[in-house]
Amino acid sequence: MRFVATGDWQLGMTAHYLSTEARPRFHRARLDAVKRIGEIAAEQSCDFVVVCGDVFESNQLDRAIISRTFEVLAAFTVPVVLLPGNHDPLDAASIYDSHAFTSRQPGHVHVLRDSEPFEVRPGVEIIGAPWFSKRPQGDLVAQATQNLAEAAPGKVRIIAGHGAVSTLDPDRESLATIDVDSLKTVLREDRAQFVALGDRHATYAVDERIWYSGAPEVTSRREDDPGNVLLVDIDAQSHASSVEKMHIGRWSYLVVEEDVNSDEDVSHLEQRLADIPDKDSTAVWLILRGTLSTAAKSRLDDILDHATDLFALVSLWERHTDIAVVAADEDFAGLGLSGYLQESLDELAETAAGEDLSASAAQDALGLLYRFARSGS
């Protein structure tokens, strides 16, 4: 028996940090990832797909997002089982109860609305632990599994859960932390054969038979292994299992850190950015430190302006970035400044050399003055 474990699709995710030009591509990429999951399920002869929570970004989404989701899911050749998570819980405003969802829900798409065993195919049960609010008052997975009996011979039982496990140092104030020892006991006693989890957006093996699949597309620069789904095989007789990680994500979030203290360093950064492939689906956060002349800083700004036109995002990570600008006389030599402009240059250079809060603003102003003067503006 083989299935695809996935989760955290978060369809309709805002991605507010992206530009208005890049955001539609990001939204489309998430649906494209779902389409690839269906293709993998067919190519790998899977029996079903289980989505472990946060199928949607929230319960308040435009109906077009639901319609486009079902348009993609309609092409799946296997059952698709959806588990409500903390982003899309089964509360009074649940998206799963909306007319846009229930009126167009394909017959092979199932929502786990309780923890009763759901027979997804003969001999295979899924025990779900759906969220009914954004702040559960207990371990939902433990509650869903506490009365499970040993699986009958030749039967396979899978637990689908969502949330942070106790071994990953979760929020200590959360009552919903999933107890790993309890899950190991359930597996050891053969009351279930595999646990598929969502909530963590990077692929992670909690234990040999307890896995987070991660999100199929990256959602944060802090994720260390996003963009994957899991191909899980379980032998119905021996209950032996194997897990294969399959990368399907097309987007990349990168943190680029560089020391920039010379024109050569700026050139190195330029080349590093140029070497990054698939720029229109890559977001870059820059951590830059160093001291540059006004001319070198101006060139750096030109490079970043050009990169912004190519990448989905280029952003200075301000909290970690520290670039000082030194106004060297040779930077402005030959630019033909005189009168008011020369007076402004002298005043800005003096302020930029200081250590008070106005120094940084003066350094930025020097860069602008240099760029305007050089361009003849």
Protein backbone atom coordinates (compact mmCIF):
# COMPACT_ATOMS: atom_id res chain seq x y z
CA MET A 1 0.00 0.00 0.00
CA ARG A 2 1.41 3.37 -1.02
CA PHE A 3 0.23 6.92 -0.43
CA VAL A 4 1.37 10.52 -0.62
CA ALA A 5 1.61 12.42 2.66
CA THR A 6 1.56 16.18 2.38
CA GLY A 7 0.26 19.22 4.25
CA ASP A 8 0.31 22.96 4.74
CA TRP A 9 -0.74 23.85 1.22
CA GLN A 10 -2.06 27.15 2.62
CA LEU A 11 -3.80 27.98 -0.62
CA GLY A 12 -4.64 31.66 -0.73
CA MET A 13 -1.54 32.63 1.24
CA THR A 14 -1.10 36.39 1.13
CA ALA A 15 2.69 36.65 0.84
CA HIS A 16 2.38 40.36 1.60
CA TYR A 17 6.15 40.85 1.46
CA LEU A 18 6.22 40.09 -2.27
CA SER A 19 5.59 42.75 -4.87
CA THR A 20 2.19 43.02 -6.52
CA GLU A 21 3.84 41.73 -9.68
CA ALA A 22 5.29 38.59 -8.03
CA ARG A 23 2.36 37.70 -5.80
CA PRO A 24 0.13 36.15 -8.51
CA ARG A 25 3.04 33.90 -9.58
CA PHE A 26 3.45 32.77 -5.98
CA HIS A 27 -0.26 31.96 -5.72
CA ARG A 28 -0.18 30.05 -9.00
CA ALA A 29 2.89 28.10 -7.89
CA ARG A 30 1.01 26.71 -4.89
CA LEU A 31 -1.75 25.38 -7.11
CA ASP A 32 0.83 24.03 -9.53
CA ALA A 33 2.43 22.15 -6.61
CA VAL A 34 -0.95 20.55 -5.85
CA LYS A 35 -1.22 19.55 -9.50
CA ARG A 36 2.20 17.89 -9.31
CA ILE A 37 1.09 15.95 -6.23
CA GLY A 38 -1.75 14.49 -8.29
CA GLU A 39 0.65 13.60 -11.07
CA ILE A 40 3.02 11.90 -8.62
CA ALA A 41 0.14 9.92 -7.10
CA ALA A 42 -0.75 8.62 -10.56
CA GLU A 43 2.83 7.97 -11.71
CA GLN A 44 3.77 6.15 -8.49
CA SER A 45 0.58 4.07 -8.38
CA CYS A 46 -0.47 5.52 -5.05
CA ASP A 47 -3.74 4.56 -3.38
CA PHE A 48 -4.58 8.01 -1.99
CA VAL A 49 -3.27 11.40 -0.87
CA VAL A 50 -3.62 12.69 2.69
CA VAL A 51 -3.22 16.42 3.42
CA CYS A 52 -2.36 16.96 7.09
CA GLY A 53 -3.88 20.32 7.88
CA ASP A 54 -3.87 23.92 6.65
CA VAL A 55 -5.14 23.11 3.20
CA PHE A 56 -6.24 26.75 3.04
CA GLU A 57 -4.58 29.86 4.43
CA SER A 58 -7.73 30.79 6.36
CA ASN A 59 -11.46 30.24 6.57
CA GLN A 60 -12.10 33.60 4.92
CA LEU A 61 -11.05 33.28 1.30
CA ASP A 62 -12.44 34.36 -2.01
CA ARG A 63 -14.56 31.58 -3.52
CA ALA A 64 -12.36 31.70 -6.62
CA ILE A 65 -9.55 30.11 -4.61
CA ILE A 66 -11.82 27.20 -3.68
CA SER A 67 -12.99 26.86 -7.28
CA ARG A 68 -9.42 26.78 -8.60
CA THR A 69 -8.46 24.25 -5.93
CA PHE A 70 -11.27 21.90 -6.97
CA GLU A 71 -10.39 22.42 -10.63
CA VAL A 72 -6.92 21.01 -9.85
CA LEU A 73 -8.16 18.27 -7.51
CA ALA A 74 -10.70 17.12 -10.09
CA ALA A 75 -7.82 15.74 -12.13
CA PHE A 76 -6.60 13.48 -9.30
CA THR A 77 -7.11 9.79 -10.01
CA VAL A 78 -7.04 8.75 -6.33
CA PRO A 79 -8.96 9.81 -3.20
CA VAL A 80 -7.76 13.00 -1.50
CA VAL A 81 -8.25 13.25 2.27
CA LEU A 82 -8.17 16.71 3.85
CA LEU A 83 -7.52 17.40 7.54
CA PRO A 84 -8.56 20.82 8.93
CA GLY A 85 -5.69 22.51 10.78
CA ASN A 86 -5.10 25.67 12.75
CA HIS A 87 -5.41 27.92 9.68
CA ASP A 88 -8.69 26.34 8.51
CA PRO A 89 -10.34 24.79 11.58
CA LEU A 90 -13.83 23.34 11.70
CA ASP A 91 -15.25 26.31 13.59
CA ALA A 92 -18.48 28.22 13.02
CA ALA A 93 -16.97 29.99 10.00
CA SER A 94 -15.28 26.91 8.54
CA ILE A 95 -14.43 27.07 4.87
CA TYR A 96 -15.33 23.38 4.68
CA ASP A 97 -18.96 24.25 5.48
CA SER A 98 -19.19 27.15 3.05
CA HIS A 99 -21.49 26.88 0.05
CA ALA A 100 -18.50 27.47 -2.25
CA PHE A 101 -16.90 24.31 -0.82
CA THR A 102 -19.83 21.94 -0.30
CA SER A 103 -21.56 22.75 -3.60
CA ARG A 104 -18.52 21.87 -5.71
CA GLN A 105 -16.66 19.30 -3.61
CA PRO A 106 -15.55 16.44 -5.89
CA GLY A 107 -16.71 12.99 -4.85
CA HIS A 108 -13.16 11.73 -4.31
CA VAL A 109 -12.25 14.61 -1.96
CA HIS A 110 -12.99 13.84 1.69
CA VAL A 111 -12.77 16.01 4.81
CA LEU A 112 -11.88 14.40 8.14
CA ARG A 113 -14.51 16.01 10.37
CA ASP A 114 -13.98 13.76 13.40
CA SER A 115 -11.69 11.01 14.64
CA GLU A 116 -13.83 8.08 13.55
CA PRO A 117 -11.84 5.66 11.37
CA PHE A 118 -12.20 6.62 7.72
CA GLU A 119 -11.73 3.71 5.34
CA VAL A 120 -10.01 5.38 2.40
CA ARG A 121 -9.76 2.04 0.59
CA PRO A 122 -10.50 -1.53 1.65
CA GLY A 123 -8.17 -2.51 4.47
CA VAL A 124 -6.79 1.01 5.07
CA GLU A 125 -8.10 3.38 7.73
CA ILE A 126 -7.17 6.99 8.46
CA ILE A 127 -7.63 8.33 11.96
CA GLY A 128 -7.82 12.11 11.80
CA ALA A 129 -7.32 14.70 14.52
CA PRO A 130 -9.03 17.76 13.03
CA TRP A 131 -8.84 21.18 14.65
CA PHE A 132 -12.15 22.70 15.76
CA SER A 133 -10.66 26.03 16.83
CA LYS A 134 -7.40 27.91 16.56
CA ARG A 135 -6.58 27.15 20.22
CA PRO A 136 -7.41 23.58 21.19
CA GLN A 137 -7.47 22.82 24.89
CA GLY A 138 -5.55 19.57 24.62
CA ASP A 139 -3.50 17.15 22.53
CA LEU A 140 -5.89 16.39 19.67
CA VAL A 141 -3.84 13.47 18.37
CA ALA A 142 -3.75 11.82 21.80
CA GLN A 143 -7.50 12.26 22.10
CA ALA A 144 -8.05 10.74 18.65
CA THR A 145 -5.95 7.66 19.41
CA GLN A 146 -6.62 6.93 23.07
CA ASN A 147 -9.31 4.29 22.44
CA LEU A 148 -7.78 2.65 19.37
CA ALA A 149 -7.56 -1.12 19.48
CA GLU A 150 -4.83 -3.10 17.79
CA ALA A 151 -5.19 -3.10 14.02
CA ALA A 152 -6.66 -6.31 12.65
CA PRO A 153 -4.33 -8.64 10.69
CA GLY A 154 -3.87 -7.43 7.13
CA LYS A 155 -5.22 -3.98 7.98
CA VAL A 156 -3.31 -0.71 7.91
CA ARG A 157 -4.12 2.31 10.05
CA ILE A 158 -2.66 5.79 9.53
CA ILE A 159 -2.90 8.73 11.91
CA ALA A 160 -3.23 12.18 10.36
CA GLY A 161 -2.42 15.02 12.75
CA HIS A 162 -1.43 18.65 12.81
CA GLY A 163 0.59 20.66 15.30
CA ALA A 164 3.92 20.88 17.09
CA VAL A 165 5.36 17.77 18.73
CA SER A 166 6.79 17.71 22.23
CA THR A 167 10.34 16.95 21.08
CA LEU A 168 10.64 20.12 18.98
CA ASP A 169 10.41 22.59 21.86
CA PRO A 170 7.01 24.00 20.91
CA ASP A 171 5.14 26.86 22.53
CA ARG A 172 5.12 25.92 26.20
CA GLU A 173 1.84 27.75 26.72
CA SER A 174 0.05 25.70 24.07
CA LEU A 175 -2.17 22.88 25.31
CA ALA A 176 -2.24 21.33 21.85
CA THR A 177 1.35 20.02 21.87
CA ILE A 178 1.48 16.50 20.43
CA ASP A 179 3.04 14.05 22.88
CA VAL A 180 5.62 11.97 21.01
CA ASP A 181 5.91 9.27 23.67
CA SER A 182 2.17 8.67 23.43
CA LEU A 183 2.44 8.30 19.66
CA LYS A 184 5.35 5.88 19.94
CA THR A 185 3.26 3.75 22.29
CA VAL A 186 0.40 3.66 19.78
CA LEU A 187 2.81 2.51 17.06
CA ARG A 188 4.61 0.03 19.28
CA GLU A 189 1.31 -1.59 20.27
CA ASP A 190 0.38 -1.82 16.56
CA ARG A 191 -2.72 0.33 17.04
CA ALA A 192 -1.48 2.33 14.05
CA GLN A 193 1.32 1.83 11.56
CA PHE A 194 2.27 5.37 10.55
CA VAL A 195 1.78 8.96 11.70
CA ALA A 196 1.65 11.75 9.11
CA LEU A 197 1.85 15.26 10.54
CA GLY A 198 1.44 18.82 9.32
CA ASP A 199 2.25 22.27 10.77
CA ARG A 200 6.03 22.19 10.39
CA HIS A 201 6.76 23.52 6.89
CA ALA A 202 10.08 21.70 6.52
CA THR A 203 10.34 17.95 6.07
CA TYR A 204 11.31 16.27 9.32
CA ALA A 205 11.40 12.74 10.71
CA VAL A 206 10.30 12.79 14.34
CA ASP A 207 10.79 9.03 14.45
CA GLU A 208 11.06 6.20 11.95
CA ARG A 209 7.27 6.14 11.51
CA ILE A 210 6.37 9.69 12.54
CA TRP A 211 6.97 12.28 9.84
CA TYR A 212 6.28 15.86 8.92
CA SER A 213 6.03 16.11 5.14
CA GLY A 214 6.56 19.87 5.13
CA ALA A 215 4.89 22.36 2.79
CA PRO A 216 5.07 21.60 -0.94
CA GLU A 217 6.20 25.17 -1.60
CA VAL A 218 8.41 27.32 0.60
CA THR A 219 6.63 29.81 2.86
CA SER A 220 9.42 31.31 4.99
CA ARG A 221 13.12 32.12 4.78
CA ARG A 222 13.61 30.18 8.04
CA GLU A 223 12.62 26.80 6.58
CA ASP A 224 15.55 24.41 6.17
CA ASP A 225 13.99 21.72 3.93
CA PRO A 226 10.72 22.87 2.31
CA GLY A 227 9.10 21.99 -1.00
CA ASN A 228 8.67 18.24 -0.45
CA VAL A 229 6.03 15.54 -0.22
CA LEU A 230 6.44 12.04 1.21
CA LEU A 231 5.91 8.82 -0.69
CA VAL A 232 5.03 6.26 2.01
CA ASP A 233 4.95 2.49 1.52
CA ILE A 234 3.44 0.18 4.14
CA ASP A 235 3.26 -3.60 3.85
CA ALA A 236 -0.22 -4.72 4.88
CA GLN A 237 1.03 -8.01 6.34
CA SER A 238 4.30 -7.15 8.06
CA HIS A 239 3.45 -3.46 8.62
CA ALA A 240 6.98 -2.58 7.56
CA SER A 241 7.17 0.94 6.17
CA SER A 242 9.49 3.07 4.08
CA VAL A 243 9.46 6.80 3.34
CA GLU A 244 10.82 8.57 0.27
CA LYS A 245 11.10 12.34 0.19
CA MET A 246 10.22 13.85 -3.17
CA HIS A 247 11.03 17.48 -3.95
CA ILE A 248 8.35 19.27 -5.97
CA GLY A 249 8.75 22.92 -4.97
CA ARG A 250 9.70 25.48 -7.60
CA TRP A 251 10.19 28.55 -5.40
CA SER A 252 13.29 29.35 -3.34
CA TYR A 253 13.81 31.66 -0.37
CA LEU A 254 17.46 32.53 0.12
CA VAL A 255 19.44 34.48 2.70
CA VAL A 256 22.61 35.90 1.11
CA GLU A 257 25.23 37.19 3.54
CA GLU A 258 28.27 39.15 2.37
CA ASP A 259 30.94 41.49 3.70
CA VAL A 260 31.26 44.44 1.33
CA ASN A 261 34.31 46.61 1.95
CA SER A 262 35.54 47.31 -1.58
CA ASP A 263 34.50 47.53 -5.19
CA GLU A 264 35.76 43.98 -5.61
CA ASP A 265 33.39 42.80 -2.88
CA VAL A 266 30.52 44.53 -4.65
CA SER A 267 31.48 42.74 -7.88
CA HIS A 268 31.53 39.43 -6.03
CA LEU A 269 28.01 40.04 -4.73
CA GLU A 270 26.87 41.02 -8.23
CA GLN A 271 28.19 37.74 -9.63
CA ARG A 272 26.68 35.75 -6.80
CA LEU A 273 23.25 37.18 -7.56
CA ALA A 274 23.73 36.66 -11.27
CA ASP A 275 24.47 32.96 -10.71
CA ILE A 276 21.18 32.28 -8.94
CA PRO A 277 18.79 30.47 -11.33
CA ASP A 278 15.02 30.92 -11.66
CA LYS A 279 15.10 34.50 -10.41
CA ASP A 280 11.41 35.18 -10.95
CA SER A 281 10.56 32.45 -8.42
CA THR A 282 13.29 33.30 -5.92
CA ALA A 283 13.08 35.69 -2.97
CA VAL A 284 16.38 36.95 -1.58
CA TRP A 285 17.07 38.56 1.77
CA LEU A 286 20.46 40.26 1.97
CA ILE A 287 22.65 40.61 5.04
CA LEU A 288 25.40 43.08 4.12
CA ARG A 289 28.10 44.46 6.38
CA GLY A 290 31.04 46.70 5.68
CA THR A 291 32.30 50.17 4.76
CA LEU A 292 32.07 51.47 1.22
CA SER A 293 32.97 54.64 -0.58
CA THR A 294 30.09 56.69 -1.95
CA ALA A 295 30.90 55.48 -5.47
CA ALA A 296 30.99 51.82 -4.42
CA LYS A 297 27.74 52.20 -2.46
CA SER A 298 26.12 53.85 -5.47
CA ARG A 299 27.18 50.93 -7.64
CA LEU A 300 25.80 48.52 -5.04
CA ASP A 301 22.47 50.36 -5.15
CA ASP A 302 22.42 50.10 -8.95
CA ILE A 303 23.06 46.35 -8.72
CA LEU A 304 20.27 45.87 -6.20
CA ASP A 305 17.87 47.96 -8.29
CA HIS A 306 18.59 45.72 -11.27
CA ALA A 307 18.23 42.58 -9.16
CA THR A 308 14.86 43.81 -7.90
CA ASP A 309 13.65 43.86 -11.51
CA LEU A 310 14.63 40.20 -11.95
CA PHE A 311 13.91 38.46 -8.66
CA ALA A 312 10.56 37.88 -6.98
CA LEU A 313 12.02 39.80 -4.04
CA VAL A 314 15.30 41.43 -3.09
CA SER A 315 15.23 42.86 0.41
CA LEU A 316 17.85 44.07 2.85
CA TRP A 317 17.41 42.31 6.17
CA GLU A 318 17.70 45.59 8.04
CA ARG A 319 18.14 44.14 11.52
CA HIS A 320 21.32 42.36 10.45
CA THR A 321 22.63 44.80 7.82
CA ASP A 322 25.23 47.44 8.65
CA ILE A 323 26.85 49.39 5.81
CA ALA A 324 28.78 52.59 6.49
CA VAL A 325 29.47 55.02 3.66
CA VAL A 326 32.61 57.12 3.52
CA ALA A 327 32.58 60.14 1.24
CA ALA A 328 35.96 60.14 -0.48
CA ASP A 329 36.99 63.29 -2.38
CA GLU A 330 37.84 61.25 -5.46
CA ASP A 331 34.26 59.95 -5.64
CA PHE A 332 32.94 63.37 -6.62
CA ALA A 333 35.94 64.59 -8.57
CA GLY A 334 35.09 65.30 -12.17
CA LEU A 335 31.34 65.50 -11.58
CA GLY A 336 31.37 69.27 -12.02
CA LEU A 337 29.59 70.16 -8.80
CA SER A 338 29.60 73.81 -7.83
CA GLY A 339 27.62 76.39 -5.93
CA TYR A 340 24.70 75.01 -3.96
CA LEU A 341 25.43 71.39 -4.91
CA GLN A 342 29.03 71.66 -3.70
CA GLU A 343 27.86 73.26 -0.46
CA SER A 344 25.35 70.46 0.01
CA LEU A 345 28.08 67.89 -0.65
CA ASP A 346 30.38 69.43 1.94
CA GLU A 347 27.60 69.59 4.53
CA LEU A 348 26.49 66.02 3.90
CA ALA A 349 30.05 64.71 4.01
CA GLU A 350 30.60 66.35 7.38
CA THR A 351 27.34 64.96 8.79
CA ALA A 352 27.99 61.49 7.37
CA ALA A 353 31.32 61.32 9.16
CA GLY A 354 29.61 61.75 12.53
CA GLU A 355 28.23 59.12 14.86
CA ASP A 356 24.75 60.46 15.64
CA LEU A 357 21.45 59.28 14.13
CA SER A 358 21.69 61.75 11.24
CA ALA A 359 24.90 60.15 9.92
CA SER A 360 23.06 57.26 8.28
CA ALA A 361 20.58 59.58 6.55
CA ALA A 362 23.46 61.77 5.36
CA GLN A 363 25.22 58.71 3.93
CA ASP A 364 22.09 57.77 1.99
CA ALA A 365 21.75 61.35 0.77
CA LEU A 366 25.35 61.33 -0.42
CA GLY A 367 24.62 58.24 -2.45
CA LEU A 368 21.61 59.88 -4.07
CA LEU A 369 23.57 63.04 -4.79
CA TYR A 370 26.32 60.97 -6.39
CA ARG A 371 23.87 59.04 -8.56
CA PHE A 372 22.01 62.16 -9.65
CA ALA A 373 25.21 64.04 -10.41
CA ARG A 374 26.65 61.15 -12.35
CA SER A 375 23.51 60.81 -14.44
CA GLY A 376 23.26 64.50 -15.08
CA SER A 377 19.84 64.79 -13.43
